[in-house]
N, C-alpha and C. Protein backbone atom coordinates (compact mmCIF):
# COMPACT_ATOMS: atom_id res chain seq x y z
N MET A 1 113.45 25.64 156.54
CA MET A 1 112.87 26.99 156.49
C MET A 1 111.80 27.11 157.58
N ASN A 2 111.82 28.19 158.37
CA ASN A 2 110.89 28.31 159.48
C ASN A 2 109.50 28.74 159.00
N GLN A 3 108.55 28.72 159.93
CA GLN A 3 107.15 29.01 159.58
C GLN A 3 106.96 30.44 159.09
N ASP A 4 107.66 31.42 159.71
CA ASP A 4 107.54 32.81 159.30
C ASP A 4 108.01 33.01 157.87
N ALA A 5 109.09 32.35 157.50
CA ALA A 5 109.61 32.46 156.14
C ALA A 5 108.63 31.85 155.15
N ASN A 6 108.04 30.69 155.51
CA ASN A 6 107.04 30.06 154.64
C ASN A 6 105.83 30.97 154.43
N THR A 7 105.38 31.60 155.52
CA THR A 7 104.23 32.51 155.44
C THR A 7 104.52 33.68 154.53
N SER A 8 105.74 34.24 154.64
CA SER A 8 106.13 35.36 153.80
C SER A 8 106.17 34.97 152.34
N LEU A 9 106.73 33.80 152.04
CA LEU A 9 106.80 33.32 150.66
C LEU A 9 105.41 33.10 150.09
N ASN A 10 104.51 32.54 150.90
CA ASN A 10 103.14 32.31 150.44
C ASN A 10 102.43 33.62 150.14
N SER A 11 102.68 34.64 150.98
CA SER A 11 102.07 35.94 150.76
C SER A 11 102.53 36.56 149.44
N ILE A 12 103.84 36.42 149.17
CA ILE A 12 104.38 36.95 147.92
C ILE A 12 103.79 36.20 146.73
N LYS A 13 103.68 34.87 146.86
CA LYS A 13 103.16 34.05 145.77
C LYS A 13 101.69 34.33 145.49
N GLU A 14 100.88 34.43 146.55
CA GLU A 14 99.44 34.57 146.39
C GLU A 14 99.00 36.01 146.16
N MET A 15 99.62 36.95 146.86
CA MET A 15 99.15 38.34 146.84
C MET A 15 100.11 39.30 146.14
N GLY A 16 101.33 38.84 145.88
CA GLY A 16 102.31 39.73 145.27
C GLY A 16 102.92 40.71 146.24
N THR A 17 102.72 40.50 147.54
CA THR A 17 103.26 41.40 148.55
C THR A 17 103.88 40.60 149.68
N ALA A 18 104.84 41.21 150.34
CA ALA A 18 105.45 40.57 151.50
C ALA A 18 104.62 40.85 152.74
N SER A 19 104.68 39.97 153.72
CA SER A 19 103.94 40.16 154.95
C SER A 19 104.52 41.32 155.75
N LEU A 20 103.64 42.08 156.40
CA LEU A 20 104.08 43.17 157.25
C LEU A 20 104.64 42.62 158.55
N PRO A 21 105.68 43.25 159.09
CA PRO A 21 106.21 42.78 160.37
C PRO A 21 105.19 42.97 161.47
N VAL A 22 105.10 42.00 162.38
CA VAL A 22 104.18 42.10 163.50
C VAL A 22 104.90 42.73 164.69
N LEU A 23 104.40 43.87 165.14
CA LEU A 23 105.03 44.58 166.24
C LEU A 23 104.35 44.22 167.55
N LYS A 24 105.14 43.85 168.55
CA LYS A 24 104.59 43.53 169.85
C LYS A 24 104.40 44.81 170.66
N GLN A 25 103.26 44.90 171.32
CA GLN A 25 102.95 46.04 172.17
C GLN A 25 103.05 47.36 171.42
N ASN A 26 102.53 47.39 170.18
CA ASN A 26 102.53 48.62 169.39
C ASN A 26 101.40 49.51 169.86
N ASN A 27 101.72 50.69 170.36
CA ASN A 27 100.70 51.59 170.89
C ASN A 27 100.41 52.78 169.98
N ILE A 28 100.92 52.71 168.74
CA ILE A 28 100.68 53.77 167.76
C ILE A 28 99.88 53.20 166.59
N HIS A 29 98.85 53.92 166.19
CA HIS A 29 98.07 53.49 165.03
C HIS A 29 98.34 54.45 163.87
N CYS A 30 98.43 53.90 162.67
CA CYS A 30 98.70 54.70 161.47
C CYS A 30 97.47 54.70 160.57
N ILE A 31 97.06 55.89 160.13
CA ILE A 31 96.00 56.03 159.13
C ILE A 31 96.57 56.76 157.93
N THR A 32 96.27 56.26 156.73
CA THR A 32 96.77 56.90 155.51
C THR A 32 95.63 57.56 154.76
N ILE A 33 95.88 58.77 154.29
CA ILE A 33 94.94 59.49 153.42
C ILE A 33 95.63 59.61 152.07
N ILE A 34 95.22 58.78 151.10
CA ILE A 34 95.90 58.74 149.81
C ILE A 34 94.92 58.92 148.66
N GLY A 35 95.45 59.33 147.53
CA GLY A 35 94.62 59.51 146.34
C GLY A 35 93.60 60.60 146.52
N GLN A 36 92.38 60.31 146.12
CA GLN A 36 91.29 61.28 146.20
C GLN A 36 90.33 60.91 147.34
N ILE A 37 89.92 61.90 148.11
CA ILE A 37 89.01 61.65 149.23
C ILE A 37 87.60 61.50 148.67
N GLU A 38 87.04 60.32 148.88
CA GLU A 38 85.70 60.01 148.35
C GLU A 38 84.65 60.30 149.41
N GLY A 39 83.65 61.08 149.03
CA GLY A 39 82.60 61.45 149.97
C GLY A 39 81.26 60.89 149.56
N HIS A 40 80.34 61.78 149.19
CA HIS A 40 78.97 61.36 148.88
C HIS A 40 78.84 60.73 147.49
N MET A 41 79.77 61.02 146.61
CA MET A 41 79.74 60.46 145.26
C MET A 41 80.78 59.36 145.14
N VAL A 42 80.38 58.22 144.55
CA VAL A 42 81.31 57.11 144.32
C VAL A 42 82.15 57.42 143.11
N LEU A 43 83.47 57.37 143.27
CA LEU A 43 84.38 57.69 142.18
C LEU A 43 84.63 56.46 141.31
N PRO A 44 85.10 56.66 140.07
CA PRO A 44 85.39 55.53 139.18
C PRO A 44 86.37 54.54 139.80
N PRO A 45 86.22 53.25 139.49
CA PRO A 45 87.05 52.21 140.13
C PRO A 45 88.55 52.36 139.88
N GLN A 46 88.94 53.04 138.78
CA GLN A 46 90.37 53.19 138.49
C GLN A 46 91.02 54.28 139.35
N ASN A 47 90.20 55.07 140.06
CA ASN A 47 90.74 56.12 140.93
C ASN A 47 91.22 55.52 142.25
N LYS A 48 92.39 55.98 142.69
CA LYS A 48 92.86 55.62 144.03
C LYS A 48 92.16 56.54 145.02
N THR A 49 91.39 55.96 145.96
CA THR A 49 90.57 56.79 146.84
C THR A 49 90.73 56.43 148.31
N THR A 50 90.40 57.40 149.15
CA THR A 50 90.24 57.20 150.59
C THR A 50 88.78 57.47 150.91
N LYS A 51 88.07 56.48 151.41
CA LYS A 51 86.64 56.60 151.65
C LYS A 51 86.40 57.06 153.08
N TYR A 52 85.66 58.16 153.23
CA TYR A 52 85.48 58.71 154.58
C TYR A 52 84.65 57.81 155.47
N GLU A 53 83.77 56.96 154.88
CA GLU A 53 82.99 56.05 155.71
C GLU A 53 83.86 54.91 156.26
N HIS A 54 85.08 54.75 155.71
CA HIS A 54 86.03 53.78 156.26
C HIS A 54 86.89 54.41 157.35
N ILE A 55 87.21 55.69 157.18
CA ILE A 55 88.10 56.37 158.12
C ILE A 55 87.41 56.69 159.44
N ILE A 56 86.16 57.15 159.37
CA ILE A 56 85.46 57.60 160.58
C ILE A 56 85.31 56.48 161.62
N PRO A 57 84.89 55.26 161.26
CA PRO A 57 84.83 54.19 162.27
C PRO A 57 86.20 53.87 162.87
N GLN A 58 87.26 53.98 162.06
CA GLN A 58 88.61 53.75 162.59
C GLN A 58 88.95 54.77 163.67
N LEU A 59 88.60 56.03 163.42
CA LEU A 59 88.90 57.08 164.39
C LEU A 59 88.15 56.86 165.70
N ILE A 60 86.91 56.42 165.60
CA ILE A 60 86.13 56.14 166.82
C ILE A 60 86.75 54.97 167.58
N ALA A 61 87.16 53.93 166.85
CA ALA A 61 87.79 52.77 167.49
C ALA A 61 89.11 53.15 168.16
N ILE A 62 89.89 54.01 167.51
CA ILE A 62 91.17 54.46 168.08
C ILE A 62 90.92 55.25 169.36
N GLU A 63 89.93 56.14 169.33
CA GLU A 63 89.63 56.97 170.49
C GLU A 63 89.20 56.11 171.68
N GLN A 64 88.50 55.03 171.43
CA GLN A 64 87.99 54.18 172.50
C GLN A 64 88.98 53.11 172.95
N SER A 65 89.99 52.83 172.12
CA SER A 65 90.93 51.75 172.43
C SER A 65 91.83 52.11 173.61
N LYS A 66 92.00 51.14 174.51
CA LYS A 66 92.90 51.33 175.65
C LYS A 66 94.35 51.01 175.27
N ASP A 67 94.53 50.29 174.17
CA ASP A 67 95.87 49.88 173.75
C ASP A 67 96.56 50.93 172.88
N ILE A 68 95.77 51.70 172.13
CA ILE A 68 96.33 52.71 171.23
C ILE A 68 96.48 54.03 171.99
N GLU A 69 97.68 54.56 171.99
CA GLU A 69 97.96 55.79 172.74
C GLU A 69 98.25 56.98 171.85
N GLY A 70 98.45 56.75 170.55
CA GLY A 70 98.75 57.85 169.64
C GLY A 70 98.40 57.51 168.21
N LEU A 71 98.17 58.54 167.39
CA LEU A 71 97.80 58.35 165.99
C LEU A 71 98.77 59.12 165.10
N ILE A 72 99.29 58.45 164.07
CA ILE A 72 100.08 59.12 163.06
C ILE A 72 99.30 59.10 161.75
N LEU A 73 99.17 60.26 161.14
CA LEU A 73 98.38 60.43 159.92
C LEU A 73 99.34 60.69 158.76
N ILE A 74 99.34 59.79 157.77
CA ILE A 74 100.21 59.92 156.60
C ILE A 74 99.36 60.37 155.41
N LEU A 75 99.78 61.45 154.76
CA LEU A 75 98.99 62.01 153.67
C LEU A 75 99.76 62.08 152.36
N ASN A 76 99.11 61.66 151.30
CA ASN A 76 99.56 61.90 149.92
C ASN A 76 98.29 61.97 149.08
N THR A 77 97.65 63.14 149.10
CA THR A 77 96.32 63.27 148.51
C THR A 77 96.21 64.48 147.59
N VAL A 78 95.39 64.33 146.56
CA VAL A 78 95.13 65.44 145.64
C VAL A 78 93.93 66.27 146.10
N GLY A 79 93.28 65.83 147.19
CA GLY A 79 92.07 66.51 147.66
C GLY A 79 90.86 65.63 147.42
N GLY A 80 89.73 66.27 147.17
CA GLY A 80 88.51 65.50 146.92
C GLY A 80 87.30 66.17 147.51
N ASP A 81 86.37 65.35 148.05
CA ASP A 81 85.12 65.85 148.61
C ASP A 81 85.40 66.78 149.79
N VAL A 82 84.93 68.02 149.69
CA VAL A 82 85.24 69.05 150.69
C VAL A 82 84.63 68.71 152.05
N GLU A 83 83.34 68.38 152.07
CA GLU A 83 82.68 68.11 153.35
C GLU A 83 83.22 66.84 154.01
N ALA A 84 83.51 65.82 153.22
CA ALA A 84 84.05 64.58 153.77
C ALA A 84 85.44 64.82 154.36
N GLY A 85 86.28 65.55 153.64
CA GLY A 85 87.61 65.85 154.13
C GLY A 85 87.58 66.68 155.39
N LEU A 86 86.68 67.67 155.42
CA LEU A 86 86.58 68.53 156.60
C LEU A 86 86.03 67.75 157.79
N ALA A 87 85.13 66.81 157.53
CA ALA A 87 84.57 65.99 158.61
C ALA A 87 85.66 65.14 159.26
N ILE A 88 86.52 64.54 158.45
CA ILE A 88 87.63 63.74 158.98
C ILE A 88 88.58 64.62 159.79
N ALA A 89 88.89 65.80 159.24
CA ALA A 89 89.80 66.72 159.93
C ALA A 89 89.24 67.15 161.28
N GLU A 90 87.94 67.43 161.32
CA GLU A 90 87.29 67.83 162.57
C GLU A 90 87.38 66.72 163.61
N MET A 91 87.15 65.47 163.19
CA MET A 91 87.20 64.35 164.12
C MET A 91 88.60 64.17 164.70
N ILE A 92 89.60 64.24 163.84
CA ILE A 92 90.98 64.06 164.31
C ILE A 92 91.38 65.17 165.26
N SER A 93 90.96 66.40 164.95
CA SER A 93 91.34 67.55 165.78
C SER A 93 90.72 67.50 167.17
N THR A 94 89.64 66.72 167.33
CA THR A 94 88.97 66.65 168.64
C THR A 94 89.28 65.37 169.41
N MET A 95 90.22 64.59 168.91
CA MET A 95 90.60 63.36 169.61
C MET A 95 91.39 63.70 170.88
N SER A 96 91.21 62.87 171.91
CA SER A 96 91.91 63.11 173.17
C SER A 96 93.34 62.58 173.14
N LYS A 97 93.65 61.72 172.18
CA LYS A 97 94.98 61.11 172.11
C LYS A 97 95.90 61.93 171.21
N PRO A 98 97.20 61.95 171.51
CA PRO A 98 98.15 62.72 170.70
C PRO A 98 98.13 62.29 169.24
N THR A 99 98.26 63.27 168.35
CA THR A 99 98.22 63.01 166.92
C THR A 99 99.32 63.79 166.22
N VAL A 100 99.91 63.16 165.19
CA VAL A 100 100.95 63.80 164.38
C VAL A 100 100.67 63.47 162.91
N SER A 101 100.86 64.44 162.03
CA SER A 101 100.65 64.21 160.60
C SER A 101 101.98 64.33 159.86
N LEU A 102 102.05 63.64 158.72
CA LEU A 102 103.23 63.71 157.85
C LEU A 102 102.74 63.76 156.40
N VAL A 103 103.08 64.85 155.71
CA VAL A 103 102.70 65.01 154.30
C VAL A 103 103.83 64.46 153.44
N LEU A 104 103.52 63.43 152.66
CA LEU A 104 104.47 62.83 151.73
C LEU A 104 103.90 62.97 150.33
N GLY A 105 104.65 63.50 149.41
CA GLY A 105 104.13 63.67 148.06
C GLY A 105 103.32 64.93 147.96
N GLY A 106 102.10 64.89 148.50
CA GLY A 106 101.26 66.08 148.43
C GLY A 106 100.12 66.08 149.43
N GLY A 107 99.73 67.27 149.83
CA GLY A 107 98.55 67.46 150.68
C GLY A 107 97.76 68.62 150.11
N HIS A 108 97.11 68.37 148.98
CA HIS A 108 96.50 69.45 148.21
C HIS A 108 95.03 69.68 148.55
N SER A 109 94.57 70.90 148.25
CA SER A 109 93.15 71.24 148.33
C SER A 109 92.59 70.96 149.73
N ILE A 110 91.57 70.09 149.84
CA ILE A 110 91.01 69.78 151.16
C ILE A 110 92.00 68.95 151.97
N GLY A 111 93.09 68.51 151.34
CA GLY A 111 94.17 67.86 152.06
C GLY A 111 94.91 68.82 152.99
N VAL A 112 94.76 70.13 152.76
CA VAL A 112 95.42 71.12 153.62
C VAL A 112 94.84 71.07 155.05
N PRO A 113 93.50 71.17 155.23
CA PRO A 113 92.95 71.02 156.58
C PRO A 113 93.31 69.68 157.23
N LEU A 114 93.35 68.62 156.44
CA LEU A 114 93.71 67.31 156.98
C LEU A 114 95.17 67.28 157.43
N SER A 115 96.02 68.01 156.74
CA SER A 115 97.44 68.04 157.09
C SER A 115 97.70 68.77 158.40
N VAL A 116 96.82 69.70 158.73
CA VAL A 116 97.07 70.56 159.91
C VAL A 116 96.15 70.25 161.08
N CYS A 117 95.34 69.20 160.98
CA CYS A 117 94.33 68.92 162.01
C CYS A 117 94.92 68.22 163.23
N THR A 118 96.18 67.79 163.16
CA THR A 118 96.80 67.05 164.25
C THR A 118 97.48 68.00 165.23
N ASP A 119 97.97 67.44 166.34
CA ASP A 119 98.65 68.24 167.35
C ASP A 119 99.96 68.82 166.82
N TYR A 120 100.61 68.09 165.90
CA TYR A 120 101.87 68.56 165.32
C TYR A 120 101.95 68.02 163.90
N SER A 121 102.55 68.81 162.99
CA SER A 121 102.56 68.41 161.58
C SER A 121 103.97 68.47 161.00
N PHE A 122 104.25 67.51 160.11
CA PHE A 122 105.51 67.46 159.37
C PHE A 122 105.21 67.43 157.88
N ILE A 123 106.19 67.87 157.09
CA ILE A 123 106.11 67.75 155.64
C ILE A 123 107.48 67.31 155.13
N ALA A 124 107.50 66.38 154.19
CA ALA A 124 108.77 65.97 153.58
C ALA A 124 109.33 67.13 152.77
N SER A 125 110.63 67.19 152.63
CA SER A 125 111.27 68.32 151.96
C SER A 125 110.84 68.45 150.51
N THR A 126 110.45 67.33 149.88
CA THR A 126 110.03 67.36 148.47
C THR A 126 108.52 67.36 148.30
N ALA A 127 107.78 67.29 149.38
CA ALA A 127 106.31 67.24 149.29
C ALA A 127 105.76 68.64 149.02
N SER A 128 104.56 68.71 148.46
CA SER A 128 103.96 70.00 148.12
C SER A 128 102.53 70.09 148.62
N MET A 129 102.06 71.32 148.78
CA MET A 129 100.68 71.58 149.18
C MET A 129 100.13 72.68 148.29
N THR A 130 98.94 72.46 147.74
CA THR A 130 98.30 73.46 146.89
C THR A 130 97.14 74.09 147.63
N VAL A 131 97.21 75.41 147.78
CA VAL A 131 96.15 76.17 148.45
C VAL A 131 95.37 76.93 147.38
N HIS A 132 94.08 76.66 147.27
CA HIS A 132 93.27 77.34 146.27
C HIS A 132 91.81 77.41 146.73
N PRO A 133 91.00 78.27 146.13
CA PRO A 133 89.58 78.35 146.50
C PRO A 133 88.84 77.06 146.16
N ILE A 134 87.66 76.90 146.73
CA ILE A 134 86.82 75.73 146.44
C ILE A 134 86.45 75.72 144.98
N ARG A 135 86.56 74.53 144.39
CA ARG A 135 86.12 74.34 143.00
C ARG A 135 84.96 73.36 142.99
N MET A 136 84.01 73.59 142.11
CA MET A 136 82.92 72.62 141.91
C MET A 136 82.84 72.32 140.43
N SER A 137 83.40 71.21 140.03
CA SER A 137 83.51 70.86 138.62
C SER A 137 82.13 70.74 137.97
N GLY A 138 82.00 71.39 136.81
CA GLY A 138 80.77 71.27 136.04
C GLY A 138 79.62 72.11 136.55
N LEU A 139 79.83 72.89 137.61
CA LEU A 139 78.74 73.67 138.17
C LEU A 139 78.81 75.10 137.67
N VAL A 140 77.72 75.60 137.11
CA VAL A 140 77.63 76.99 136.69
C VAL A 140 76.92 77.76 137.79
N ILE A 141 77.59 78.75 138.32
CA ILE A 141 76.98 79.55 139.38
C ILE A 141 76.05 80.57 138.76
N GLY A 142 74.76 80.32 138.90
CA GLY A 142 73.79 81.19 138.26
C GLY A 142 72.90 81.94 139.21
N ILE A 143 72.98 81.64 140.50
CA ILE A 143 72.11 82.30 141.46
C ILE A 143 72.93 82.75 142.67
N PRO A 144 72.53 83.83 143.31
CA PRO A 144 73.29 84.34 144.46
C PRO A 144 73.40 83.34 145.60
N GLN A 145 72.37 82.48 145.80
CA GLN A 145 72.40 81.53 146.91
C GLN A 145 73.56 80.54 146.77
N THR A 146 73.83 80.10 145.55
CA THR A 146 74.93 79.17 145.32
C THR A 146 76.26 79.83 145.65
N TYR A 147 76.41 81.07 145.23
CA TYR A 147 77.64 81.81 145.51
C TYR A 147 77.82 81.99 147.02
N ASP A 148 76.74 82.30 147.72
CA ASP A 148 76.80 82.46 149.17
C ASP A 148 77.20 81.16 149.86
N TYR A 149 76.66 80.04 149.36
CA TYR A 149 76.99 78.73 149.93
C TYR A 149 78.48 78.44 149.79
N LEU A 150 79.03 78.72 148.60
CA LEU A 150 80.46 78.49 148.38
C LEU A 150 81.30 79.37 149.29
N ASN A 151 80.86 80.60 149.48
CA ASN A 151 81.59 81.50 150.37
C ASN A 151 81.60 81.00 151.81
N LYS A 152 80.44 80.48 152.26
CA LYS A 152 80.36 79.96 153.62
C LYS A 152 81.22 78.71 153.79
N MET A 153 81.21 77.85 152.79
CA MET A 153 82.04 76.65 152.83
C MET A 153 83.52 77.03 152.85
N GLN A 154 83.88 78.02 152.03
CA GLN A 154 85.26 78.48 152.00
C GLN A 154 85.68 79.05 153.36
N GLU A 155 84.78 79.81 153.98
CA GLU A 155 85.08 80.40 155.27
C GLU A 155 85.27 79.33 156.34
N ARG A 156 84.51 78.23 156.26
CA ARG A 156 84.68 77.12 157.21
C ARG A 156 86.08 76.54 157.11
N ILE A 157 86.57 76.38 155.89
CA ILE A 157 87.90 75.81 155.68
C ILE A 157 88.98 76.77 156.19
N VAL A 158 88.84 78.05 155.84
CA VAL A 158 89.83 79.04 156.27
C VAL A 158 89.88 79.14 157.79
N THR A 159 88.70 79.16 158.42
CA THR A 159 88.63 79.24 159.88
C THR A 159 89.30 78.03 160.53
N PHE A 160 89.05 76.84 159.98
CA PHE A 160 89.64 75.62 160.54
C PHE A 160 91.16 75.66 160.42
N VAL A 161 91.65 76.01 159.24
CA VAL A 161 93.10 76.01 159.01
C VAL A 161 93.80 77.02 159.90
N THR A 162 93.27 78.23 159.98
CA THR A 162 93.92 79.27 160.78
C THR A 162 93.83 78.99 162.28
N LYS A 163 92.79 78.24 162.68
CA LYS A 163 92.66 77.86 164.09
C LYS A 163 93.72 76.86 164.50
N HIS A 164 94.15 76.00 163.58
CA HIS A 164 95.07 74.93 163.90
C HIS A 164 96.50 75.19 163.42
N THR A 165 96.76 76.40 162.94
CA THR A 165 98.11 76.75 162.50
C THR A 165 98.44 78.16 162.98
N SER A 166 99.63 78.62 162.63
CA SER A 166 100.02 79.98 163.01
C SER A 166 99.81 80.98 161.88
N ILE A 167 99.29 80.54 160.74
CA ILE A 167 99.04 81.45 159.63
C ILE A 167 97.79 82.29 159.90
N THR A 168 97.80 83.54 159.46
CA THR A 168 96.65 84.42 159.64
C THR A 168 95.66 84.24 158.49
N LYS A 169 94.43 84.66 158.72
CA LYS A 169 93.42 84.59 157.66
C LYS A 169 93.84 85.40 156.45
N GLU A 170 94.41 86.56 156.70
CA GLU A 170 94.83 87.43 155.60
C GLU A 170 95.89 86.76 154.74
N ASP A 171 96.87 86.12 155.39
CA ASP A 171 97.94 85.45 154.64
C ASP A 171 97.42 84.22 153.91
N PHE A 172 96.48 83.51 154.55
CA PHE A 172 95.93 82.31 153.90
C PHE A 172 95.11 82.69 152.67
N TYR A 173 94.30 83.73 152.79
CA TYR A 173 93.54 84.20 151.63
C TYR A 173 94.47 84.69 150.52
N ALA A 174 95.59 85.31 150.90
CA ALA A 174 96.55 85.79 149.90
C ALA A 174 97.13 84.61 149.11
N LEU A 175 97.45 83.52 149.82
CA LEU A 175 97.93 82.32 149.14
C LEU A 175 96.86 81.72 148.24
N MET A 176 95.64 81.72 148.75
CA MET A 176 94.52 81.10 148.04
C MET A 176 94.19 81.84 146.74
N LEU A 177 94.31 83.15 146.76
CA LEU A 177 93.86 83.96 145.63
C LEU A 177 95.00 84.49 144.78
N LYS A 178 96.20 83.97 145.00
CA LYS A 178 97.36 84.42 144.22
C LYS A 178 97.22 84.04 142.76
N THR A 179 97.55 84.95 141.88
CA THR A 179 97.45 84.69 140.44
C THR A 179 98.85 84.52 139.85
N GLY A 180 98.90 83.81 138.71
CA GLY A 180 100.15 83.67 137.98
C GLY A 180 100.97 82.46 138.32
N GLU A 181 100.62 81.75 139.41
CA GLU A 181 101.42 80.59 139.80
C GLU A 181 100.84 79.28 139.27
N LEU A 182 99.50 79.21 139.18
CA LEU A 182 98.85 78.03 138.63
C LEU A 182 98.27 78.37 137.26
N ALA A 183 98.45 77.50 136.31
CA ALA A 183 97.96 77.74 134.95
C ALA A 183 96.44 77.85 134.94
N ASP A 184 95.94 78.94 134.40
CA ASP A 184 94.49 79.16 134.25
C ASP A 184 93.74 79.04 135.57
N ASP A 185 94.37 79.39 136.67
CA ASP A 185 93.69 79.26 137.96
C ASP A 185 94.38 80.17 138.97
N VAL A 186 93.76 80.28 140.14
CA VAL A 186 94.37 81.05 141.23
C VAL A 186 94.76 80.08 142.34
N GLY A 187 95.77 80.45 143.10
CA GLY A 187 96.23 79.60 144.19
C GLY A 187 97.74 79.61 144.29
N THR A 188 98.25 78.82 145.24
CA THR A 188 99.69 78.78 145.50
C THR A 188 100.12 77.34 145.77
N VAL A 189 101.28 76.98 145.23
CA VAL A 189 101.89 75.69 145.51
C VAL A 189 103.06 75.93 146.46
N LEU A 190 103.01 75.25 147.62
CA LEU A 190 104.07 75.36 148.62
C LEU A 190 104.83 74.04 148.68
N VAL A 191 106.15 74.12 148.63
CA VAL A 191 106.98 72.91 148.65
C VAL A 191 107.82 72.88 149.92
N GLY A 192 107.69 71.80 150.68
CA GLY A 192 108.53 71.56 151.84
C GLY A 192 108.65 72.74 152.79
N GLN A 193 109.82 73.33 152.85
CA GLN A 193 110.12 74.41 153.78
C GLN A 193 109.21 75.61 153.60
N GLU A 194 108.71 75.84 152.39
CA GLU A 194 107.81 76.97 152.15
C GLU A 194 106.54 76.85 152.98
N ALA A 195 106.04 75.62 153.14
CA ALA A 195 104.84 75.41 153.95
C ALA A 195 105.10 75.70 155.42
N VAL A 196 106.34 75.46 155.86
CA VAL A 196 106.73 75.76 157.24
C VAL A 196 106.91 77.26 157.42
N ASP A 197 107.57 77.90 156.46
CA ASP A 197 107.87 79.33 156.55
C ASP A 197 106.61 80.19 156.62
N CYS A 198 105.54 79.76 155.95
CA CYS A 198 104.32 80.56 155.95
C CYS A 198 103.43 80.25 157.16
N GLY A 199 103.79 79.23 157.96
CA GLY A 199 103.03 78.94 159.17
C GLY A 199 101.99 77.85 159.04
N LEU A 200 101.92 77.17 157.90
CA LEU A 200 100.93 76.10 157.72
C LEU A 200 101.36 74.82 158.43
N ILE A 201 102.62 74.44 158.27
CA ILE A 201 103.15 73.19 158.82
C ILE A 201 104.19 73.51 159.88
N ASN A 202 104.30 72.65 160.89
CA ASN A 202 105.24 72.91 161.98
C ASN A 202 106.70 72.69 161.62
N GLU A 203 106.97 71.61 160.84
CA GLU A 203 108.38 71.25 160.66
C GLU A 203 108.56 70.39 159.41
N VAL A 204 109.74 70.54 158.78
CA VAL A 204 110.13 69.64 157.69
C VAL A 204 110.75 68.40 158.32
N GLY A 205 110.33 67.23 157.87
CA GLY A 205 110.86 66.00 158.44
C GLY A 205 110.28 64.78 157.77
N GLY A 206 110.69 63.62 158.28
CA GLY A 206 110.23 62.35 157.72
C GLY A 206 109.62 61.47 158.79
N ILE A 207 109.53 60.19 158.49
CA ILE A 207 108.82 59.27 159.37
C ILE A 207 109.51 59.13 160.73
N ASP A 208 110.84 59.18 160.74
CA ASP A 208 111.57 59.05 162.00
C ASP A 208 111.23 60.20 162.95
N GLN A 209 111.29 61.43 162.42
CA GLN A 209 110.96 62.59 163.26
C GLN A 209 109.51 62.58 163.70
N ALA A 210 108.62 62.15 162.80
CA ALA A 210 107.19 62.13 163.11
C ALA A 210 106.89 61.16 164.25
N ILE A 211 107.47 59.97 164.20
CA ILE A 211 107.23 58.97 165.25
C ILE A 211 107.85 59.42 166.58
N LYS A 212 109.05 59.99 166.51
CA LYS A 212 109.69 60.48 167.74
C LYS A 212 108.86 61.58 168.39
N LYS A 213 108.32 62.48 167.57
CA LYS A 213 107.50 63.57 168.10
C LYS A 213 106.24 63.01 168.74
N LEU A 214 105.62 62.03 168.08
CA LEU A 214 104.41 61.42 168.62
C LEU A 214 104.69 60.72 169.94
N GLN A 215 105.79 60.00 170.00
CA GLN A 215 106.16 59.33 171.26
C GLN A 215 106.40 60.35 172.37
N ASN A 216 106.99 61.48 172.02
CA ASN A 216 107.23 62.54 173.00
C ASN A 216 105.91 63.12 173.51
N LEU A 217 104.96 63.33 172.62
CA LEU A 217 103.64 63.83 173.02
C LEU A 217 102.92 62.82 173.91
N MET A 218 103.07 61.53 173.59
CA MET A 218 102.44 60.49 174.38
C MET A 218 103.04 60.42 175.78
N GLU A 219 104.36 60.56 175.87
CA GLU A 219 105.02 60.53 177.17
C GLU A 219 104.61 61.73 178.03
N ASN A 220 104.52 62.90 177.38
CA ASN A 220 104.12 64.11 178.12
C ASN A 220 102.70 64.00 178.65
N LYS A 221 101.83 63.32 177.88
CA LYS A 221 100.45 63.16 178.34
C LYS A 221 100.39 62.23 179.54
N GLU A 222 101.22 61.19 179.54
CA GLU A 222 101.25 60.24 180.65
C GLU A 222 101.73 60.91 181.94
N ASP A 223 102.63 61.89 181.80
CA ASP A 223 103.19 62.56 182.97
C ASP A 223 102.19 63.51 183.64
N LYS A 224 101.18 63.90 182.89
CA LYS A 224 100.21 64.87 183.45
C LYS A 224 99.25 64.19 184.42
């Protein structure tokens, strides 16, 4: 048995997982946004989270790396901290290197800006996206200043999404404030092609299409 096979068996025995294949001259970096986006508040240990203080240094390293030429962003998130999610989306949208996103499972709530912050976006045919107004669990809005703050935060999200997609503000607000689709709440659930039809996502596809598109963007940048 060769050394690679021994290493793989040891990984399965010790960690319960197989070793990842080592790619030579890989010029694409993958970042995953999964579970709940954790921001200023530490979530319970049983929650699957993506910590923004882990993602931001990665983005800076990718931007500065001479070996990495493109970024693919894989999302399956229920949302989470609004400011943390928007901060990550802003950083990705301002990167000089080509970026492509792929929504698998779901890109809900603040996951919507993250899904559209790249140069090109894909969604799996069975994946869904939930568009709804900002929620603040456990908060009673008792003063006008709090209401104004929520409105300004909401406007930041709407402006970001409409800037990076072909959907209009009017249509996005209509999706956000739609009644009757979510139980005891307002908003809209978009599945696969529906997200493309309304202008939020560029194309329905999977990992193969996403990587090919990213490679195409990288090649076009080299030609300039």
